[in-house]
């Protein structure tokens, strides 16, 4: 058994991991569940390609942004 990364896999078969825990994504190169970037709640393909965001942030083009990013955009 390898490190703790296997523990982050919630659906597995004989070929490997099919689904990782939230806040993790399956990395094709390492064949392991890897941590999402802290700015992402969930991610896919890379640590910074967000699918969902923490509270008080919003998703735009796979990136989580704070509401502060919207300030002064209509001036």
Foldseek 3Di string as FASTA:
>chain_A
DDDCQLVQADDADPVAGDDGHFQWEQAPVVRTTDGADPQERHAYHDNQQHPHGDPQWDDDRSHTGHCVVVPPPVD
